[in-house]
PDB file of all heavy atoms in Angstrom:
ATOM      1  N   SER A   1     -10.442  -6.436-138.434  1.00  0.00           N
ATOM      2  CA  SER A   1     -10.031  -5.057-138.709  1.00  0.00           C
ATOM      3  C   SER A   1      -8.970  -4.581-137.733  1.00  0.00           C
ATOM      4  O   SER A   1      -8.012  -3.909-138.118  1.00  0.00           O
ATOM      5  CB  SER A   1     -11.241  -4.123-138.629  1.00  0.00           C
ATOM      6  OG  SER A   1     -12.165  -4.424-139.638  1.00  0.00           O
ATOM      7  N   ILE A   2      -9.131  -4.945-136.474  1.00  0.00           N
ATOM      8  CA  ILE A   2      -8.170  -4.523-135.454  1.00  0.00           C
ATOM      9  C   ILE A   2      -6.863  -5.294-135.583  1.00  0.00           C
ATOM     10  O   ILE A   2      -5.777  -4.722-135.502  1.00  0.00           O
ATOM     11  CB  ILE A   2      -8.783  -4.682-134.049  1.00  0.00           C
ATOM     12  CG1 ILE A   2      -9.838  -3.599-133.861  1.00  0.00           C
ATOM     13  CG2 ILE A   2      -7.735  -4.584-132.961  1.00  0.00           C
ATOM     14  CD1 ILE A   2     -10.602  -3.714-132.586  1.00  0.00           C
ATOM     15  N   SER A   3      -6.959  -6.607-135.803  1.00  0.00           N
ATOM     16  CA  SER A   3      -5.731  -7.415-135.875  1.00  0.00           C
ATOM     17  C   SER A   3      -4.893  -7.088-137.113  1.00  0.00           C
ATOM     18  O   SER A   3      -3.709  -7.398-137.146  1.00  0.00           O
ATOM     19  CB  SER A   3      -6.063  -8.907-135.820  1.00  0.00           C
ATOM     20  OG  SER A   3      -6.803  -9.290-136.947  1.00  0.00           O
ATOM     21  N   ALA A   4      -5.473  -6.428-138.099  1.00  0.00           N
ATOM     22  CA  ALA A   4      -4.694  -5.983-139.253  1.00  0.00           C
ATOM     23  C   ALA A   4      -3.788  -4.812-138.884  1.00  0.00           C
ATOM     24  O   ALA A   4      -2.846  -4.504-139.610  1.00  0.00           O
ATOM     25  CB  ALA A   4      -5.634  -5.579-140.388  1.00  0.00           C
ATOM     26  N   ARG A   5      -4.050  -4.157-137.747  1.00  0.00           N
ATOM     27  CA  ARG A   5      -3.295  -2.973-137.335  1.00  0.00           C
ATOM     28  C   ARG A   5      -2.475  -3.157-136.068  1.00  0.00           C
ATOM     29  O   ARG A   5      -1.584  -2.368-135.788  1.00  0.00           O
ATOM     30  CB  ARG A   5      -4.244  -1.802-137.163  1.00  0.00           C
ATOM     31  CG  ARG A   5      -4.805  -1.328-138.494  1.00  0.00           C
ATOM     32  CD  ARG A   5      -6.021  -0.465-138.320  1.00  0.00           C
ATOM     33  NE  ARG A   5      -6.525   0.017-139.587  1.00  0.00           N
ATOM     34  CZ  ARG A   5      -7.240  -0.714-140.445  1.00  0.00           C
ATOM     35  NH1 ARG A   5      -7.510  -1.964-140.180  1.00  0.00           N
ATOM     36  NH2 ARG A   5      -7.661  -0.208-141.570  1.00  0.00           N
ATOM     37  N   CYS A   6      -2.824  -4.177-135.267  1.00  0.00           N
ATOM     38  CA  CYS A   6      -2.084  -4.402-134.026  1.00  0.00           C
ATOM     39  C   CYS A   6      -2.252  -5.858-133.598  1.00  0.00           C
ATOM     40  O   CYS A   6      -2.990  -6.611-134.217  1.00  0.00           O
ATOM     41  CB  CYS A   6      -2.565  -3.454-132.920  1.00  0.00           C
ATOM     42  SG  CYS A   6      -4.277  -3.683-132.433  1.00  0.00           S
ATOM     43  N   GLU A   7      -1.586  -6.223-132.521  1.00  0.00           N
ATOM     44  CA  GLU A   7      -1.654  -7.591-132.015  1.00  0.00           C
ATOM     45  C   GLU A   7      -2.816  -7.737-131.038  1.00  0.00           C
ATOM     46  O   GLU A   7      -2.870  -7.050-130.022  1.00  0.00           O
ATOM     47  CB  GLU A   7      -0.342  -7.950-131.310  1.00  0.00           C
ATOM     48  CG  GLU A   7      -0.319  -9.364-130.795  1.00  0.00           C
ATOM     49  CD  GLU A   7       0.971  -9.712-130.078  1.00  0.00           C
ATOM     50  OE1 GLU A   7       1.887  -8.871-130.010  1.00  0.00           O
ATOM     51  OE2 GLU A   7       1.053 -10.853-129.576  1.00  0.00           O
ATOM     52  N   VAL A   8      -3.752  -8.631-131.378  1.00  0.00           N
ATOM     53  CA  VAL A   8      -4.868  -8.916-130.487  1.00  0.00           C
ATOM     54  C   VAL A   8      -4.446 -10.067-129.588  1.00  0.00           C
ATOM     55  O   VAL A   8      -4.145 -11.164-130.058  1.00  0.00           O
ATOM     56  CB  VAL A   8      -6.146  -9.292-131.274  1.00  0.00           C
ATOM     57  CG1 VAL A   8      -7.263  -9.693-130.314  1.00  0.00           C
ATOM     58  CG2 VAL A   8      -6.585  -8.135-132.153  1.00  0.00           C
ATOM     59  N   ILE A   9      -4.410  -9.814-128.279  1.00  0.00           N
ATOM     60  CA  ILE A   9      -4.004 -10.815-127.304  1.00  0.00           C
ATOM     61  C   ILE A   9      -5.183 -11.695-126.917  1.00  0.00           C
ATOM     62  O   ILE A   9      -5.064 -12.910-126.812  1.00  0.00           O
ATOM     63  CB  ILE A   9      -3.447 -10.149-126.021  1.00  0.00           C
ATOM     64  CG1 ILE A   9      -2.290  -9.216-126.358  1.00  0.00           C
ATOM     65  CG2 ILE A   9      -3.039 -11.180-124.986  1.00  0.00           C
ATOM     66  CD1 ILE A   9      -1.098  -9.895-126.985  1.00  0.00           C
ATOM     67  N   TYR A  10      -6.344 -11.067-126.727  1.00  0.00           N
ATOM     68  CA  TYR A  10      -7.501 -11.789-126.225  1.00  0.00           C
ATOM     69  C   TYR A  10      -8.773 -11.031-126.590  1.00  0.00           C
ATOM     70  O   TYR A  10      -8.775  -9.806-126.601  1.00  0.00           O
ATOM     71  CB  TYR A  10      -7.393 -11.915-124.693  1.00  0.00           C
ATOM     72  CG  TYR A  10      -8.553 -12.604-124.041  1.00  0.00           C
ATOM     73  CD1 TYR A  10      -8.708 -13.983-124.135  1.00  0.00           C
ATOM     74  CD2 TYR A  10      -9.514 -11.882-123.338  1.00  0.00           C
ATOM     75  CE1 TYR A  10      -9.781 -14.619-123.543  1.00  0.00           C
ATOM     76  CE2 TYR A  10     -10.578 -12.518-122.740  1.00  0.00           C
ATOM     77  CZ  TYR A  10     -10.714 -13.886-122.845  1.00  0.00           C
ATOM     78  OH  TYR A  10     -11.776 -14.516-122.258  1.00  0.00           O
ATOM     79  N   ALA A  11      -9.829 -11.775-126.891  1.00  0.00           N
ATOM     80  CA  ALA A  11     -11.144 -11.170-127.112  1.00  0.00           C
ATOM     81  C   ALA A  11     -12.102 -11.734-126.068  1.00  0.00           C
ATOM     82  O   ALA A  11     -12.159 -12.944-125.870  1.00  0.00           O
ATOM     83  CB  ALA A  11     -11.648 -11.471-128.515  1.00  0.00           C
ATOM     84  N   SER A  12     -12.839 -10.862-125.403  1.00  0.00           N
ATOM     85  CA  SER A  12     -13.778 -11.266-124.362  1.00  0.00           C
ATOM     86  C   SER A  12     -15.201 -11.067-124.843  1.00  0.00           C
ATOM     87  O   SER A  12     -15.625  -9.933-125.098  1.00  0.00           O
ATOM     88  CB  SER A  12     -13.550 -10.441-123.096  1.00  0.00           C
ATOM     89  OG  SER A  12     -14.606 -10.651-122.181  1.00  0.00           O
ATOM     90  N   ARG A  13     -15.941 -12.165-124.952  1.00  0.00           N
ATOM     91  CA  ARG A  13     -17.334 -12.032-125.385  1.00  0.00           C
ATOM     92  C   ARG A  13     -18.179 -11.388-124.297  1.00  0.00           C
ATOM     93  O   ARG A  13     -19.153 -10.713-124.590  1.00  0.00           O
ATOM     94  CB  ARG A  13     -17.894 -13.378-125.820  1.00  0.00           C
ATOM     95  CG  ARG A  13     -18.066 -14.377-124.710  1.00  0.00           C
ATOM     96  CD  ARG A  13     -18.641 -15.678-125.267  1.00  0.00           C
ATOM     97  NE  ARG A  13     -18.974 -16.577-124.190  1.00  0.00           N
ATOM     98  CZ  ARG A  13     -18.683 -17.851-124.180  1.00  0.00           C
ATOM     99  NH1 ARG A  13     -18.061 -18.375-125.199  1.00  0.00           N
ATOM    100  NH2 ARG A  13     -19.022 -18.596-123.170  1.00  0.00           N
ATOM    101  N   TRP A  14     -17.834 -11.586-123.024  1.00  0.00           N
ATOM    102  CA  TRP A  14     -18.614 -11.001-121.934  1.00  0.00           C
ATOM    103  C   TRP A  14     -18.390  -9.496-121.826  1.00  0.00           C
ATOM    104  O   TRP A  14     -19.290  -8.751-121.497  1.00  0.00           O
ATOM    105  CB  TRP A  14     -18.321 -11.692-120.608  1.00  0.00           C
ATOM    106  CG  TRP A  14     -18.781 -13.109-120.633  1.00  0.00           C
ATOM    107  CD1 TRP A  14     -20.079 -13.541-120.599  1.00  0.00           C
ATOM    108  CD2 TRP A  14     -17.982 -14.264-120.751  1.00  0.00           C
ATOM    109  NE1 TRP A  14     -20.122 -14.912-120.687  1.00  0.00           N
ATOM    110  CE2 TRP A  14     -18.832 -15.398-120.770  1.00  0.00           C
ATOM    111  CE3 TRP A  14     -16.611 -14.492-120.837  1.00  0.00           C
ATOM    112  CZ2 TRP A  14     -18.376 -16.688-120.871  1.00  0.00           C
ATOM    113  CZ3 TRP A  14     -16.157 -15.788-120.935  1.00  0.00           C
ATOM    114  CH2 TRP A  14     -17.040 -16.865-120.948  1.00  0.00           C
ATOM    115  N   LEU A  15     -17.181  -9.043-122.088  1.00  0.00           N
ATOM    116  CA  LEU A  15     -16.889  -7.613-122.057  1.00  0.00           C
ATOM    117  C   LEU A  15     -17.155  -6.947-123.407  1.00  0.00           C
ATOM    118  O   LEU A  15     -17.160  -5.724-123.492  1.00  0.00           O
ATOM    119  CB  LEU A  15     -15.426  -7.373-121.656  1.00  0.00           C
ATOM    120  CG  LEU A  15     -15.008  -7.852-120.275  1.00  0.00           C
ATOM    121  CD1 LEU A  15     -13.508  -7.644-120.077  1.00  0.00           C
ATOM    122  CD2 LEU A  15     -15.808  -7.147-119.198  1.00  0.00           C
ATOM    123  N   ASN A  16     -17.336  -7.753-124.448  1.00  0.00           N
ATOM    124  CA  ASN A  16     -17.455  -7.263-125.824  1.00  0.00           C
ATOM    125  C   ASN A  16     -16.290  -6.324-126.123  1.00  0.00           C
ATOM    126  O   ASN A  16     -16.454  -5.162-126.497  1.00  0.00           O
ATOM    127  CB  ASN A  16     -18.791  -6.576-126.078  1.00  0.00           C
ATOM    128  CG  ASN A  16     -19.042  -6.386-127.565  1.00  0.00           C
ATOM    129  OD1 ASN A  16     -18.558  -7.157-128.382  1.00  0.00           O
ATOM    130  ND2 ASN A  16     -19.798  -5.367-127.911  1.00  0.00           N
ATOM    131  N   ALA A  17     -15.088  -6.872-125.910  1.00  0.00           N
ATOM    132  CA  ALA A  17     -13.873  -6.078-126.040  1.00  0.00           C
ATOM    133  C   ALA A  17     -12.706  -6.972-126.445  1.00  0.00           C
ATOM    134  O   ALA A  17     -12.785  -8.194-126.355  1.00  0.00           O
ATOM    135  CB  ALA A  17     -13.560  -5.390-124.715  1.00  0.00           C
ATOM    136  N   ALA A  18     -11.630  -6.319-126.887  1.00  0.00           N
ATOM    137  CA  ALA A  18     -10.402  -7.031-127.234  1.00  0.00           C
ATOM    138  C   ALA A  18      -9.244  -6.407-126.468  1.00  0.00           C
ATOM    139  O   ALA A  18      -9.185  -5.178-126.301  1.00  0.00           O
ATOM    140  CB  ALA A  18     -10.139  -6.959-128.733  1.00  0.00           C
ATOM    141  N   TYR A  19      -8.330  -7.253-125.996  1.00  0.00           N
ATOM    142  CA  TYR A  19      -7.128  -6.809-125.303  1.00  0.00           C
ATOM    143  C   TYR A  19      -6.011  -6.827-126.335  1.00  0.00           C
ATOM    144  O   TYR A  19      -5.750  -7.865-126.950  1.00  0.00           O
ATOM    145  CB  TYR A  19      -6.841  -7.764-124.148  1.00  0.00           C
ATOM    146  CG  TYR A  19      -5.774  -7.294-123.194  1.00  0.00           C
ATOM    147  CD1 TYR A  19      -5.930  -6.124-122.471  1.00  0.00           C
ATOM    148  CD2 TYR A  19      -4.619  -8.034-122.996  1.00  0.00           C
ATOM    149  CE1 TYR A  19      -4.966  -5.703-121.570  1.00  0.00           C
ATOM    150  CE2 TYR A  19      -3.646  -7.627-122.100  1.00  0.00           C
ATOM    151  CZ  TYR A  19      -3.824  -6.463-121.394  1.00  0.00           C
ATOM    152  OH  TYR A  19      -2.863  -6.042-120.508  1.00  0.00           O
ATOM    153  N   VAL A  20      -5.371  -5.677-126.559  1.00  0.00           N
ATOM    154  CA  VAL A  20      -4.404  -5.560-127.652  1.00  0.00           C
ATOM    155  C   VAL A  20      -3.111  -4.918-127.186  1.00  0.00           C
ATOM    156  O   VAL A  20      -3.060  -4.263-126.141  1.00  0.00           O
ATOM    157  CB  VAL A  20      -4.988  -4.723-128.821  1.00  0.00           C
ATOM    158  CG1 VAL A  20      -6.287  -5.310-129.325  1.00  0.00           C
ATOM    159  CG2 VAL A  20      -5.173  -3.273-128.428  1.00  0.00           C
ATOM    160  N   ILE A  21      -2.076  -5.097-128.004  1.00  0.00           N
ATOM    161  CA  ILE A  21      -0.819  -4.370-127.852  1.00  0.00           C
ATOM    162  C   ILE A  21      -0.706  -3.486-129.080  1.00  0.00           C
ATOM    163  O   ILE A  21      -0.780  -3.976-130.213  1.00  0.00           O
ATOM    164  CB  ILE A  21       0.390  -5.323-127.770  1.00  0.00           C
ATOM    165  CG1 ILE A  21       0.293  -6.207-126.533  1.00  0.00           C
ATOM    166  CG2 ILE A  21       1.689  -4.524-127.759  1.00  0.00           C
ATOM    167  CD1 ILE A  21       1.397  -7.245-126.434  1.00  0.00           C
ATOM    168  N   ALA A  22      -0.541  -2.183-128.848  1.00  0.00           N
ATOM    169  CA  ALA A  22      -0.492  -1.250-129.980  1.00  0.00           C
ATOM    170  C   ALA A  22       0.242   0.024-129.590  1.00  0.00           C
ATOM    171  O   ALA A  22       0.377   0.351-128.416  1.00  0.00           O
ATOM    172  CB  ALA A  22      -1.912  -0.907-130.427  1.00  0.00           C
ATOM    173  N   SER A  23       0.679   0.744-130.609  1.00  0.00           N
ATOM    174  CA  SER A  23       1.293   2.056-130.383  1.00  0.00           C
ATOM    175  C   SER A  23       0.190   3.096-130.202  1.00  0.00           C
ATOM    176  O   SER A  23      -0.972   2.864-130.564  1.00  0.00           O
ATOM    177  CB  SER A  23       2.168   2.437-131.584  1.00  0.00           C
ATOM    178  OG  SER A  23       1.342   2.636-132.720  1.00  0.00           O
ATOM    179  N   LYS A  24       0.555   4.234-129.682  1.00  0.00           N
ATOM    180  CA  LYS A  24      -0.427   5.310-129.487  1.00  0.00           C
ATOM    181  C   LYS A  24      -1.017   5.759-130.820  1.00  0.00           C
ATOM    182  O   LYS A  24      -2.204   6.082-130.905  1.00  0.00           O
ATOM    183  CB  LYS A  24       0.218   6.494-128.770  1.00  0.00           C
ATOM    184  CG  LYS A  24       0.546   6.210-127.328  1.00  0.00           C
ATOM    185  CD  LYS A  24       1.229   7.380-126.656  1.00  0.00           C
ATOM    186  CE  LYS A  24       1.599   6.994-125.239  1.00  0.00           C
ATOM    187  NZ  LYS A  24       2.348   8.028-124.550  1.00  0.00           N
ATOM    188  N   GLU A  25      -0.193   5.762-131.867  1.00  0.00           N
ATOM    189  CA  GLU A  25      -0.673   6.182-133.183  1.00  0.00           C
ATOM    190  C   GLU A  25      -1.750   5.228-133.705  1.00  0.00           C
ATOM    191  O   GLU A  25      -2.773   5.660-134.239  1.00  0.00           O
ATOM    192  CB  GLU A  25       0.491   6.250-134.186  1.00  0.00           C
ATOM    193  CG  GLU A  25       1.526   7.307-133.876  1.00  0.00           C
ATOM    194  CD  GLU A  25       2.527   6.886-132.789  1.00  0.00           C
ATOM    195  OE1 GLU A  25       2.628   5.675-132.470  1.00  0.00           O
ATOM    196  OE2 GLU A  25       3.190   7.776-132.240  1.00  0.00           O
ATOM    197  N   VAL A  26      -1.513   3.930-133.533  1.00  0.00           N
ATOM    198  CA  VAL A  26      -2.497   2.931-133.971  1.00  0.00           C
ATOM    199  C   VAL A  26      -3.776   3.063-133.160  1.00  0.00           C
ATOM    200  O   VAL A  26      -4.881   3.006-133.706  1.00  0.00           O
ATOM    201  CB  VAL A  26      -1.912   1.498-133.871  1.00  0.00           C
ATOM    202  CG1 VAL A  26      -2.993   0.447-134.061  1.00  0.00           C
ATOM    203  CG2 VAL A  26      -0.800   1.314-134.897  1.00  0.00           C
ATOM    204  N   ILE A  27      -3.643   3.271-131.866  1.00  0.00           N
ATOM    205  CA  ILE A  27      -4.823   3.426-131.003  1.00  0.00           C
ATOM    206  C   ILE A  27      -5.641   4.636-131.442  1.00  0.00           C
ATOM    207  O   ILE A  27      -6.877   4.571-131.516  1.00  0.00           O
ATOM    208  CB  ILE A  27      -4.410   3.526-129.519  1.00  0.00           C
ATOM    209  CG1 ILE A  27      -3.908   2.165-129.029  1.00  0.00           C
ATOM    210  CG2 ILE A  27      -5.554   4.032-128.659  1.00  0.00           C
ATOM    211  CD1 ILE A  27      -4.929   1.037-129.110  1.00  0.00           C
TER     212      ILE A  27
END
């Protein structure tokens, strides 16, 4: 769902989070 809207650089299973590049509007 997230990668359909922005670039996912990395997903961390330990942080349960994704590091992305996105515009403020997308965020």
